[in-house]
Amino acid sequence: MTSAQLGQLAENFVADWLQQQSWQILARRWRSRRGELDLVALHRGLGVAFVEVKARSRGSWDAEGLLAITPAKQAKLLFTAQMFLAAHPQLAQLPCRFDVALVSSRPANQPSLLPHLRLQHYLIGAFE
């Protein structure tokens, strides 16, 4: 399985988890000219969450993906979120936040099966 495929599985996994928490998924892999938002979710009482999903296998070097959210990455996500809100002005007045979902991956017992995914950490308002 490629890292892109693992990333897609992890995003679907987190989207399902968010929906179980009463969030509505507004967009997946939303792109602007300078970046991409993994997930954009809406909760009637909490507002809009721009969710960055990081999937890592056991023993990753970057704190399960958290170290990959550099200041440059945060700036890119902020710009892309602003572009999303410009394209969806009805959401611009709602509270917005940036969350990070760290997903751990463990290989399946058989090569034909999908890996086992686990939501390691969900960081609410991880950066501004």
Protein backbone atom coordinates (compact mmCIF):
# COMPACT_ATOMS: atom_id res chain seq x y z
CA MET A 1 0.00 0.00 0.00
CA THR A 2 1.33 3.42 -0.93
CA SER A 3 1.46 6.34 1.49
CA ALA A 4 -1.19 8.12 -0.65
CA GLN A 5 -3.52 5.13 -0.30
CA LEU A 6 -2.90 5.00 3.44
CA GLY A 7 -3.63 8.72 3.65
CA GLN A 8 -6.94 8.26 1.82
CA LEU A 9 -7.92 5.40 4.14
CA ALA A 10 -7.02 7.49 7.18
CA GLU A 11 -9.05 10.46 5.92
CA ASN A 12 -12.08 8.20 5.39
CA PHE A 13 -11.54 6.72 8.86
CA VAL A 14 -11.46 10.17 10.49
CA ALA A 15 -14.46 11.37 8.44
CA ASP A 16 -16.47 8.38 9.69
CA TRP A 17 -15.37 9.10 13.27
CA LEU A 18 -16.38 12.77 12.96
CA GLN A 19 -19.79 11.82 11.59
CA GLN A 20 -20.29 9.56 14.61
CA GLN A 21 -19.55 12.67 16.73
CA SER A 22 -22.40 14.58 14.97
CA TRP A 23 -20.19 16.42 12.47
CA GLN A 24 -21.23 16.82 8.84
CA ILE A 25 -18.44 16.44 6.28
CA LEU A 26 -18.61 19.40 3.90
CA ALA A 27 -15.53 18.62 1.83
CA ARG A 28 -12.77 16.05 1.40
CA ARG A 29 -9.43 16.92 -0.17
CA TRP A 30 -10.57 20.43 -1.07
CA ARG A 31 -7.91 22.12 -3.19
CA SER A 32 -6.90 25.67 -3.83
CA ARG A 33 -4.00 26.94 -5.88
CA ARG A 34 -1.69 26.80 -2.84
CA GLY A 35 -2.83 23.83 -0.81
CA GLU A 36 -5.32 21.19 0.17
CA LEU A 37 -7.68 20.69 3.11
CA ASP A 38 -8.00 17.03 4.06
CA LEU A 39 -11.44 17.43 5.66
CA VAL A 40 -13.82 20.30 6.27
CA ALA A 41 -16.52 19.52 8.81
CA LEU A 42 -19.50 21.40 10.23
CA HIS A 43 -21.07 20.96 13.66
CA ARG A 44 -24.23 22.96 14.28
CA GLY A 45 -23.12 23.96 17.78
CA LEU A 46 -19.36 24.23 17.27
CA GLY A 47 -18.83 25.71 13.82
CA VAL A 48 -16.39 24.67 11.10
CA ALA A 49 -13.33 22.48 11.60
CA PHE A 50 -10.54 22.26 9.05
CA VAL A 51 -9.04 18.86 9.83
CA GLU A 52 -5.51 17.86 8.86
CA VAL A 53 -5.11 14.08 8.93
CA LYS A 54 -1.72 12.47 9.45
CA ALA A 55 -1.34 8.69 9.20
CA ARG A 56 1.79 6.98 10.42
CA SER A 57 2.96 3.45 11.04
CA ARG A 58 4.32 2.42 14.40
CA GLY A 59 7.68 3.95 15.28
CA SER A 60 7.42 7.05 13.11
CA TRP A 61 10.15 9.65 13.51
CA ASP A 62 7.90 12.70 13.54
CA ALA A 63 5.81 12.25 16.72
CA GLU A 64 3.04 10.37 14.88
CA GLY A 65 2.82 13.12 12.26
CA LEU A 66 2.55 16.07 14.63
CA LEU A 67 5.98 17.43 13.68
CA ALA A 68 4.85 17.56 10.04
CA ILE A 69 2.51 20.44 10.95
CA THR A 70 5.25 23.05 10.62
CA PRO A 71 4.64 26.81 10.68
CA ALA A 72 4.90 26.79 6.86
CA LYS A 73 2.27 24.00 6.68
CA GLN A 74 0.03 25.95 9.09
CA ALA A 75 0.30 29.06 6.91
CA LYS A 76 -0.61 27.03 3.83
CA LEU A 77 -3.63 25.53 5.63
CA LEU A 78 -4.73 28.96 6.83
CA PHE A 79 -4.55 30.38 3.31
CA THR A 80 -6.45 27.40 1.89
CA ALA A 81 -9.12 27.69 4.61
CA GLN A 82 -9.56 31.36 3.72
CA MET A 83 -10.03 30.37 0.08
CA PHE A 84 -12.60 27.75 1.15
CA LEU A 85 -14.52 30.34 3.18
CA ALA A 86 -14.41 32.79 0.27
CA ALA A 87 -15.97 30.08 -1.91
CA HIS A 88 -18.57 29.33 0.81
CA PRO A 89 -19.46 32.76 2.28
CA GLN A 90 -22.42 31.35 4.22
CA LEU A 91 -19.87 29.64 6.52
CA ALA A 92 -17.57 32.63 7.01
CA GLN A 93 -19.44 33.98 10.04
CA LEU A 94 -19.26 30.70 11.95
CA PRO A 95 -16.52 29.91 14.47
CA CYS A 96 -13.64 28.14 12.71
CA ARG A 97 -10.79 26.04 14.04
CA PHE A 98 -7.93 23.88 12.83
CA ASP A 99 -7.87 20.34 14.18
CA VAL A 100 -5.26 17.64 13.66
CA ALA A 101 -6.09 13.93 13.59
CA LEU A 102 -3.16 11.58 14.16
CA VAL A 103 -3.93 8.06 12.93
CA SER A 104 -1.72 5.07 13.60
CA SER A 105 -1.55 2.23 11.12
CA ARG A 106 -0.67 -1.39 11.73
CA PRO A 107 -0.36 -3.89 8.88
CA ALA A 108 -3.17 -6.39 8.48
CA ASN A 109 -2.57 -10.06 9.22
CA GLN A 110 -2.95 -10.91 5.54
CA PRO A 111 -1.60 -8.90 2.61
CA SER A 112 -5.02 -8.79 0.94
CA LEU A 113 -6.62 -7.04 3.94
CA LEU A 114 -6.61 -3.34 4.76
CA PRO A 115 -4.36 -2.10 7.56
CA HIS A 116 -5.72 -1.61 11.07
CA LEU A 117 -6.25 2.08 11.79
CA ARG A 118 -6.57 3.74 15.17
CA LEU A 119 -7.23 7.37 16.05
CA GLN A 120 -4.17 8.00 18.19
CA HIS A 121 -4.88 11.66 18.99
CA TYR A 122 -7.45 14.23 17.94
CA LEU A 123 -6.17 17.73 18.68
CA ILE A 124 -8.93 20.34 18.80
CA GLY A 125 -7.79 23.81 17.83
CA ALA A 126 -4.25 22.56 17.30
CA PHE A 127 -3.13 25.92 15.90
CA GLU A 128 -4.57 29.29 14.98
